[in-house]
Amino acid sequence: MNELPLSGVRVIDFTQVMLGPVCTQVLADYGADVIKIERKGSGDLSRSTFEPIAGHDNPVFCSLNRNKRSAALDLKNPDHLAAVRALVADADVVVNNFRAGVMERMGLGYEECRRLNPRIIYAVGTGFGESGPYAHKGGQDVLAQAMSGTMARKMDASHPLSIYPTTFADYSAGMHLVQGILLALIQRDRTGEGQKVSVALYNSMLAAQMQEAAMIMNADSEINWAAMPLTGVFETKDGAVVVVGAFKANPLRDICVALEIDDLSGDPRFATLNSQIEHKRALHHVFRERYKTQTTTYWLERLEAQDLLCAPVRTLREALKDAQTHHNEMIIEGVDADQTLQLVGSPIRMTGAPVSMRRPPPRLGEHTDEVLAEVRATQP
């Protein structure tokens, strides 16, 4: 524990659902003492988002809150608010992902926390930003997808609009918030002063489209990596494969060799990238009919023999059981009084700081007495 990179850093965590908790879990994984401040009686909303599968705590909550302590407090109670203010005064980082104005109404906005502790790193995650026309609009992953242009991007214009089913915006913004906190801690080591760090779901989604945005703003042109003519997902006899036909002198010729069909790169309809784009529908019709004739394994062997980028399309259940997943130690286990938990671990590998589940995800208020006792011990 003492050798972890963030050992000795204390984080007061007011976050809930995903954006904030995925950030503070990274900090906790690498040694920070993360004290999660939760509402008495209900706690983090993700504790009750879905019907629990096992044990007393929801697996969705557990996935985001290992290695933290939980203090269930009523911030309308003057004694509890005073205790939180004492925690802030002695902390390194405060994190919240409430709507703009919520922390200020509780008397825990940036200016107040800075008065309590000039060295504080005050980290904020919002939906659209702390000011501006959408500042007070409810922030949520799907809304950020929609308003940032991400949802409108489709592989093919004929496809219906749809919601990306993984919380891409929340995860991205959470990782950006981690980066901001770490940068602020480094700068504080040089200046001795804290600062405010903020991210927004909306901004993170715009940043994820930086290449596409640069093309629109500087060349009045659009790019769509999923719509490239030699890239696609194709059903096989027993599943599906994805192929990326790129980074080769003549990828179409190599695809045709793998598919055991005539070389279509000599056909005028498919001889250049522009002509392939123009006749993509006809080209993919040929591909689809051919892929249906054999199994996924058969085609992967053929495609890889031509050094083409390809992979099977798997479910998450299959990926979790994959040998590479376990070789990469991406599943970590922890035990508490009632259950053995399996959770996805950190994607960051550090030879000097391996991640483990030092603390299982806390029960609501599990550490309230412990935290309050620590506060009392620091008071004159």
Protein backbone atom coordinates (compact mmCIF):
# COMPACT_ATOMS: atom_id res chain seq x y z
CA MET A 1 0.00 0.00 0.00
CA ASN A 2 2.75 2.49 0.96
CA GLU A 3 4.46 1.93 -2.38
CA LEU A 4 1.43 2.71 -4.54
CA PRO A 5 1.73 5.97 -6.54
CA LEU A 6 -1.09 7.80 -4.75
CA SER A 7 -0.41 6.56 -1.24
CA GLY A 8 -0.93 9.45 1.18
CA VAL A 9 -3.37 11.28 -1.12
CA ARG A 10 -6.82 11.73 0.43
CA VAL A 11 -9.86 12.15 -1.83
CA ILE A 12 -13.28 13.29 -0.63
CA ASP A 13 -15.65 11.75 -3.14
CA PHE A 14 -19.16 13.16 -3.61
CA THR A 15 -19.71 11.33 -6.91
CA GLN A 16 -22.34 8.85 -8.00
CA VAL A 17 -23.48 6.75 -10.98
CA MET A 18 -20.46 6.48 -13.37
CA LEU A 19 -18.54 9.57 -14.51
CA GLY A 20 -17.27 10.41 -11.02
CA PRO A 21 -16.99 6.92 -9.50
CA VAL A 22 -14.99 5.52 -12.43
CA CYS A 23 -12.55 8.41 -11.88
CA THR A 24 -12.23 7.98 -8.13
CA GLN A 25 -11.89 4.20 -8.45
CA VAL A 26 -8.72 4.71 -10.52
CA LEU A 27 -7.39 6.98 -7.77
CA ALA A 28 -8.33 4.39 -5.14
CA ASP A 29 -6.82 1.50 -7.12
CA TYR A 30 -3.47 3.26 -7.09
CA GLY A 31 -3.38 4.01 -3.40
CA ALA A 32 -5.47 7.11 -2.66
CA ASP A 33 -7.63 7.06 0.48
CA VAL A 34 -11.01 7.70 -1.16
CA ILE A 35 -13.79 8.58 1.29
CA LYS A 36 -17.13 8.28 -0.48
CA ILE A 37 -19.72 10.65 0.99
CA GLU A 38 -23.19 9.13 0.47
CA ARG A 39 -26.72 10.12 1.39
CA LYS A 40 -28.03 8.37 4.48
CA GLY A 41 -30.60 5.74 3.63
CA SER A 42 -30.11 5.59 -0.15
CA GLY A 43 -26.51 6.30 -1.11
CA ASP A 44 -25.13 6.33 -4.62
CA LEU A 45 -27.93 5.98 -7.20
CA SER A 46 -26.12 3.06 -8.83
CA ARG A 47 -26.71 0.96 -5.71
CA SER A 48 -30.34 0.62 -6.80
CA THR A 49 -30.23 1.14 -10.58
CA PHE A 50 -30.68 -2.55 -11.42
CA GLU A 51 -31.97 -5.49 -9.44
CA PRO A 52 -29.02 -6.96 -7.51
CA ILE A 53 -27.77 -10.29 -8.80
CA ALA A 54 -25.93 -11.42 -5.67
CA GLY A 55 -25.25 -10.17 -2.18
CA HIS A 56 -26.40 -6.90 -0.63
CA ASP A 57 -24.76 -4.55 -3.10
CA ASN A 58 -25.61 -4.05 -6.73
CA PRO A 59 -22.91 -5.37 -9.14
CA VAL A 60 -23.18 -2.11 -11.10
CA PHE A 61 -22.20 -0.20 -7.94
CA CYS A 62 -19.50 -2.73 -7.09
CA SER A 63 -17.90 -2.36 -10.51
CA LEU A 64 -17.09 1.30 -9.79
CA ASN A 65 -16.39 1.50 -6.07
CA ARG A 66 -13.75 -0.94 -4.87
CA ASN A 67 -10.94 0.27 -2.62
CA LYS A 68 -13.08 3.12 -1.20
CA ARG A 69 -14.60 3.86 2.19
CA SER A 70 -18.27 4.86 2.54
CA ALA A 71 -19.53 7.47 5.00
CA ALA A 72 -23.32 7.90 4.96
CA LEU A 73 -24.06 11.45 6.10
CA ASP A 74 -26.90 13.96 6.16
CA LEU A 75 -25.39 17.23 4.99
CA LYS A 76 -28.42 19.13 6.32
CA ASN A 77 -27.23 18.05 9.77
CA PRO A 78 -24.84 20.79 11.01
CA ASP A 79 -22.61 18.25 12.76
CA HIS A 80 -22.27 16.13 9.61
CA LEU A 81 -21.62 19.18 7.45
CA ALA A 82 -18.98 20.36 9.89
CA ALA A 83 -17.33 16.94 9.72
CA VAL A 84 -17.25 17.08 5.91
CA ARG A 85 -15.74 20.56 6.02
CA ALA A 86 -13.06 19.23 8.37
CA LEU A 87 -12.36 16.42 5.92
CA VAL A 88 -11.99 18.91 3.07
CA ALA A 89 -9.62 21.04 5.14
CA ASP A 90 -7.29 18.07 5.50
CA ALA A 91 -7.75 16.51 2.05
CA ASP A 92 -5.90 16.69 -1.26
CA VAL A 93 -8.78 16.28 -3.69
CA VAL A 94 -12.54 16.86 -3.71
CA VAL A 95 -14.53 15.30 -6.57
CA ASN A 96 -18.18 15.74 -7.52
CA ASN A 97 -20.35 15.21 -10.59
CA PHE A 98 -23.51 17.05 -9.55
CA ARG A 99 -25.35 19.57 -11.69
CA ALA A 100 -23.93 23.08 -11.62
CA GLY A 101 -24.78 24.84 -8.35
CA VAL A 102 -25.49 21.81 -6.16
CA MET A 103 -22.20 21.87 -4.24
CA GLU A 104 -22.47 25.64 -3.81
CA ARG A 105 -25.93 25.29 -2.26
CA MET A 106 -24.47 22.84 0.26
CA GLY A 107 -21.74 25.32 1.15
CA LEU A 108 -19.09 23.14 -0.50
CA GLY A 109 -18.40 25.00 -3.75
CA TYR A 110 -14.90 25.64 -4.99
CA GLU A 111 -14.43 29.03 -3.40
CA GLU A 112 -15.57 27.78 0.00
CA CYS A 113 -13.39 24.66 -0.21
CA ARG A 114 -10.42 26.77 -1.28
CA ARG A 115 -10.90 28.97 1.78
CA LEU A 116 -10.83 25.84 3.92
CA ASN A 117 -7.80 24.46 2.12
CA PRO A 118 -5.80 26.50 -0.43
CA ARG A 119 -4.02 23.31 -1.58
CA ILE A 120 -7.24 21.52 -2.52
CA ILE A 121 -7.66 20.06 -6.01
CA TYR A 122 -11.36 20.60 -6.70
CA ALA A 123 -12.48 18.28 -9.52
CA VAL A 124 -15.87 18.61 -11.21
CA GLY A 125 -17.58 16.46 -13.83
CA THR A 126 -20.72 17.84 -15.52
CA GLY A 127 -22.87 17.06 -18.51
CA PHE A 128 -22.24 20.17 -20.59
CA GLY A 129 -20.03 22.49 -18.53
CA GLU A 130 -20.42 24.65 -15.45
CA SER A 131 -21.60 27.67 -17.42
CA GLY A 132 -23.18 28.37 -20.78
CA PRO A 133 -26.58 27.65 -22.33
CA TYR A 134 -26.74 23.98 -21.22
CA ALA A 135 -25.04 24.28 -17.82
CA HIS A 136 -28.19 23.45 -15.84
CA LYS A 137 -29.44 20.76 -18.23
CA GLY A 138 -29.31 17.26 -16.79
CA GLY A 139 -26.13 15.60 -17.96
CA GLN A 140 -26.25 11.97 -19.01
CA ASP A 141 -24.24 9.71 -21.32
CA VAL A 142 -26.92 9.25 -23.99
CA LEU A 143 -27.67 12.98 -24.12
CA ALA A 144 -23.97 13.72 -24.65
CA GLN A 145 -23.88 11.16 -27.46
CA ALA A 146 -26.83 12.86 -29.11
CA MET A 147 -25.82 16.51 -28.73
CA SER A 148 -22.13 16.08 -29.60
CA GLY A 149 -22.79 14.55 -33.01
CA THR A 150 -21.57 11.13 -31.93
CA MET A 151 -24.97 9.45 -32.23
CA ALA A 152 -25.51 10.81 -35.74
CA ARG A 153 -22.37 9.09 -37.02
CA LYS A 154 -23.33 5.84 -38.70
CA MET A 155 -21.47 3.23 -40.71
CA ASP A 156 -24.10 3.53 -43.43
CA ALA A 157 -26.73 6.19 -44.05
CA SER A 158 -29.40 3.49 -44.36
CA HIS A 159 -28.89 2.39 -40.74
CA PRO A 160 -31.35 3.80 -38.16
CA LEU A 161 -30.08 6.13 -35.47
CA SER A 162 -29.26 4.25 -32.30
CA ILE A 163 -27.81 4.64 -28.82
CA TYR A 164 -24.33 3.27 -28.25
CA PRO A 165 -25.06 0.67 -25.54
CA THR A 166 -21.87 1.11 -23.49
CA THR A 167 -21.38 4.27 -21.43
CA PHE A 168 -18.77 5.72 -23.76
CA ALA A 169 -19.23 9.35 -22.66
CA ASP A 170 -19.19 8.61 -18.92
CA TYR A 171 -16.07 6.46 -19.16
CA SER A 172 -14.21 8.92 -21.38
CA ALA A 173 -15.03 11.92 -19.19
CA GLY A 174 -14.11 9.93 -16.06
CA MET A 175 -10.69 9.15 -17.51
CA HIS A 176 -10.23 12.79 -18.52
CA LEU A 177 -11.05 13.77 -14.94
CA VAL A 178 -8.37 11.38 -13.65
CA GLN A 179 -5.87 13.01 -16.01
CA GLY A 180 -6.82 16.48 -14.83
CA ILE A 181 -6.49 15.54 -11.15
CA LEU A 182 -3.07 13.97 -11.67
CA LEU A 183 -1.87 16.98 -13.65
CA ALA A 184 -3.10 19.30 -10.90
CA LEU A 185 -1.32 17.25 -8.22
CA ILE A 186 1.93 17.48 -10.19
CA GLN A 187 1.51 21.23 -10.61
CA ARG A 188 0.73 21.63 -6.89
CA ASP A 189 4.04 19.96 -6.07
CA ARG A 190 5.72 22.82 -7.95
CA THR A 191 3.57 25.76 -6.87
CA GLY A 192 2.15 24.70 -3.52
CA GLU A 193 -1.34 25.73 -4.64
CA GLY A 194 -4.43 23.80 -5.57
CA GLN A 195 -6.81 24.56 -8.41
CA LYS A 196 -10.11 23.65 -9.99
CA VAL A 197 -10.28 20.91 -12.62
CA SER A 198 -13.40 20.31 -14.69
CA VAL A 199 -14.55 18.02 -17.46
CA ALA A 200 -17.87 17.57 -19.27
CA LEU A 201 -19.44 14.60 -21.01
CA TYR A 202 -20.13 16.86 -23.98
CA ASN A 203 -16.51 17.99 -24.26
CA SER A 204 -15.19 14.45 -24.00
CA MET A 205 -17.41 13.36 -26.87
CA LEU A 206 -16.24 16.27 -29.01
CA ALA A 207 -12.63 15.40 -28.18
CA ALA A 208 -13.20 11.78 -29.22
CA GLN A 209 -14.12 13.07 -32.68
CA MET A 210 -11.05 15.29 -33.07
CA GLN A 211 -10.00 13.84 -36.43
CA GLU A 212 -13.47 14.10 -37.92
CA ALA A 213 -13.92 17.61 -36.53
CA ALA A 214 -10.59 18.78 -37.97
CA MET A 215 -11.64 17.58 -41.42
CA ILE A 216 -14.96 19.43 -41.22
CA MET A 217 -13.50 22.69 -39.90
CA ASN A 218 -10.37 22.82 -42.07
CA ALA A 219 -11.25 20.99 -45.28
CA ASP A 220 -15.08 21.10 -45.31
CA SER A 221 -14.95 17.33 -45.73
CA GLU A 222 -16.09 14.36 -43.70
CA ILE A 223 -14.38 11.10 -42.83
CA ASN A 224 -16.00 7.98 -41.46
CA TRP A 225 -13.62 5.19 -40.55
CA ALA A 226 -16.44 2.64 -40.23
CA ALA A 227 -17.67 3.43 -43.75
CA MET A 228 -14.40 2.68 -45.55
CA PRO A 229 -15.19 0.38 -48.48
CA LEU A 230 -12.95 -2.54 -47.50
CA THR A 231 -13.97 -2.49 -43.84
CA GLY A 232 -17.04 -4.27 -42.57
CA VAL A 233 -18.74 -6.87 -40.39
CA PHE A 234 -19.77 -10.03 -42.21
CA GLU A 235 -21.87 -12.95 -41.03
CA THR A 236 -20.40 -16.42 -41.39
CA LYS A 237 -21.92 -19.88 -41.06
CA ASP A 238 -21.59 -19.77 -37.28
CA GLY A 239 -20.95 -16.16 -36.29
CA ALA A 240 -19.38 -13.06 -37.76
CA VAL A 241 -16.00 -11.55 -38.61
CA VAL A 242 -14.84 -7.96 -38.82
CA VAL A 243 -12.28 -7.04 -41.46
CA VAL A 244 -10.29 -3.80 -41.83
CA GLY A 245 -8.97 -3.62 -45.37
CA ALA A 246 -6.25 -1.00 -44.93
CA PHE A 247 -2.53 -0.35 -44.50
CA LYS A 248 -1.58 -2.51 -47.47
CA ALA A 249 -0.61 -1.74 -51.09
CA ASN A 250 -3.63 -3.58 -52.52
CA PRO A 251 -5.85 -4.85 -49.71
CA LEU A 252 -8.73 -5.74 -52.05
CA ARG A 253 -6.52 -8.17 -53.95
CA ASP A 254 -5.48 -9.82 -50.68
CA ILE A 255 -9.10 -10.02 -49.49
CA CYS A 256 -10.03 -11.74 -52.73
CA VAL A 257 -7.20 -14.25 -52.30
CA ALA A 258 -8.44 -15.00 -48.78
CA LEU A 259 -12.03 -15.37 -50.00
CA GLU A 260 -10.94 -17.61 -52.89
CA ILE A 261 -12.58 -15.42 -55.52
CA ASP A 262 -11.34 -13.61 -58.63
CA ASP A 263 -9.26 -10.47 -58.04
CA LEU A 264 -11.79 -7.64 -57.99
CA SER A 265 -9.10 -4.94 -57.85
CA GLY A 266 -8.86 -5.22 -61.64
CA ASP A 267 -12.56 -4.46 -62.06
CA PRO A 268 -12.99 -0.75 -63.04
CA ARG A 269 -15.77 -0.44 -60.44
CA PHE A 270 -13.31 -1.26 -57.65
CA ALA A 271 -9.95 -0.15 -59.04
CA THR A 272 -9.55 2.99 -56.88
CA LEU A 273 -10.62 4.05 -53.41
CA ASN A 274 -13.16 6.50 -54.82
CA SER A 275 -14.66 3.88 -57.14
CA GLN A 276 -14.78 1.39 -54.25
CA ILE A 277 -16.68 3.95 -52.19
CA GLU A 278 -19.07 4.59 -55.07
CA HIS A 279 -19.74 0.87 -55.58
CA LYS A 280 -19.40 -0.24 -51.97
CA ARG A 281 -22.87 -1.80 -51.87
CA ALA A 282 -22.07 -4.12 -54.79
CA LEU A 283 -18.66 -4.96 -53.36
CA HIS A 284 -20.07 -5.84 -49.94
CA HIS A 285 -22.77 -7.97 -51.54
CA VAL A 286 -20.01 -10.15 -53.00
CA PHE A 287 -18.26 -10.31 -49.65
CA ARG A 288 -21.41 -11.16 -47.68
CA GLU A 289 -22.40 -14.00 -49.98
CA ARG A 290 -18.92 -15.49 -49.77
CA TYR A 291 -18.50 -15.23 -46.00
CA LYS A 292 -21.79 -17.10 -45.47
CA THR A 293 -20.31 -20.25 -47.03
CA GLN A 294 -17.77 -21.06 -44.31
CA THR A 295 -17.22 -20.80 -40.56
CA THR A 296 -15.68 -17.92 -38.67
CA THR A 297 -12.56 -19.95 -37.87
CA TYR A 298 -12.10 -20.89 -41.52
CA TRP A 299 -12.22 -17.28 -42.71
CA LEU A 300 -10.00 -15.98 -39.92
CA GLU A 301 -7.30 -18.44 -40.89
CA ARG A 302 -7.58 -17.42 -44.56
CA LEU A 303 -7.58 -13.68 -43.80
CA GLU A 304 -4.69 -13.88 -41.36
CA ALA A 305 -2.67 -15.86 -43.91
CA GLN A 306 -2.88 -12.72 -46.09
CA ASP A 307 -1.85 -10.52 -43.14
CA LEU A 308 -5.22 -8.78 -43.11
CA LEU A 309 -6.60 -7.11 -39.98
CA CYS A 310 -9.50 -9.28 -38.82
CA ALA A 311 -11.18 -10.60 -35.70
CA PRO A 312 -14.18 -12.63 -34.61
CA VAL A 313 -17.20 -10.69 -33.35
CA ARG A 314 -17.74 -11.83 -29.77
CA THR A 315 -20.16 -11.18 -26.98
CA LEU A 316 -18.94 -9.70 -23.70
CA ARG A 317 -19.60 -13.07 -22.04
CA GLU A 318 -17.20 -14.66 -24.51
CA ALA A 319 -14.60 -11.91 -24.10
CA LEU A 320 -14.63 -12.29 -20.30
CA LYS A 321 -13.73 -15.98 -20.71
CA ASP A 322 -11.06 -15.38 -23.35
CA ALA A 323 -7.53 -16.60 -22.62
CA GLN A 324 -6.08 -13.15 -23.45
CA THR A 325 -8.39 -11.51 -20.90
CA HIS A 326 -7.05 -13.75 -18.15
CA HIS A 327 -3.46 -13.56 -19.35
CA ASN A 328 -3.76 -9.76 -19.12
CA GLU A 329 -5.11 -10.16 -15.56
CA MET A 330 -8.15 -8.06 -16.41
CA ILE A 331 -10.38 -9.90 -13.94
CA ILE A 332 -9.68 -9.30 -10.26
CA GLU A 333 -11.34 -10.98 -7.30
CA GLY A 334 -12.11 -9.89 -3.78
CA VAL A 335 -13.91 -11.41 -0.84
CA ASP A 336 -16.07 -9.81 1.82
CA ALA A 337 -18.24 -11.37 4.48
CA ASP A 338 -20.97 -12.49 2.12
CA GLN A 339 -19.60 -13.07 -1.36
CA THR A 340 -16.71 -13.45 -3.73
CA LEU A 341 -16.67 -10.66 -6.26
CA GLN A 342 -15.22 -10.75 -9.76
CA LEU A 343 -14.71 -7.34 -11.35
CA VAL A 344 -12.91 -5.91 -14.37
CA GLY A 345 -9.56 -4.62 -13.21
CA SER A 346 -7.46 -1.64 -14.25
CA PRO A 347 -6.33 -1.46 -17.89
CA ILE A 348 -3.15 0.33 -16.71
CA ARG A 349 -0.15 -1.91 -16.09
CA MET A 350 2.62 -0.67 -13.79
CA THR A 351 5.36 -3.07 -12.76
CA GLY A 352 5.79 -1.26 -9.45
CA ALA A 353 2.11 -0.76 -8.65
CA PRO A 354 -0.09 -3.80 -9.25
CA VAL A 355 -3.81 -3.27 -8.69
CA SER A 356 -5.69 -5.46 -6.25
CA MET A 357 -8.99 -5.29 -4.40
CA ARG A 358 -7.59 -4.13 -1.07
CA ARG A 359 -11.11 -3.19 0.03
CA PRO A 360 -14.27 -4.70 -1.42
CA PRO A 361 -16.91 -2.17 -2.53
CA PRO A 362 -18.26 -0.72 0.72
CA ARG A 363 -21.66 -1.28 2.23
CA LEU A 364 -23.60 1.95 2.52
CA GLY A 365 -22.18 3.81 5.52
CA GLU A 366 -19.81 0.97 6.39
CA HIS A 367 -17.07 3.40 7.43
CA THR A 368 -19.15 6.29 8.81
CA ASP A 369 -18.10 5.81 12.44
CA GLU A 370 -14.49 5.24 11.45
CA VAL A 371 -14.34 8.43 9.34
CA LEU A 372 -16.08 10.56 11.98
CA ALA A 373 -13.70 9.24 14.62
CA GLU A 374 -10.75 10.27 12.43
CA VAL A 375 -12.25 13.76 12.12
CA ARG A 376 -12.69 14.08 15.88
CA ALA A 377 -9.09 12.95 16.40
CA THR A 378 -7.81 15.85 14.28
CA GLN A 379 -9.85 18.52 16.06
CA PRO A 380 -8.19 20.65 18.77
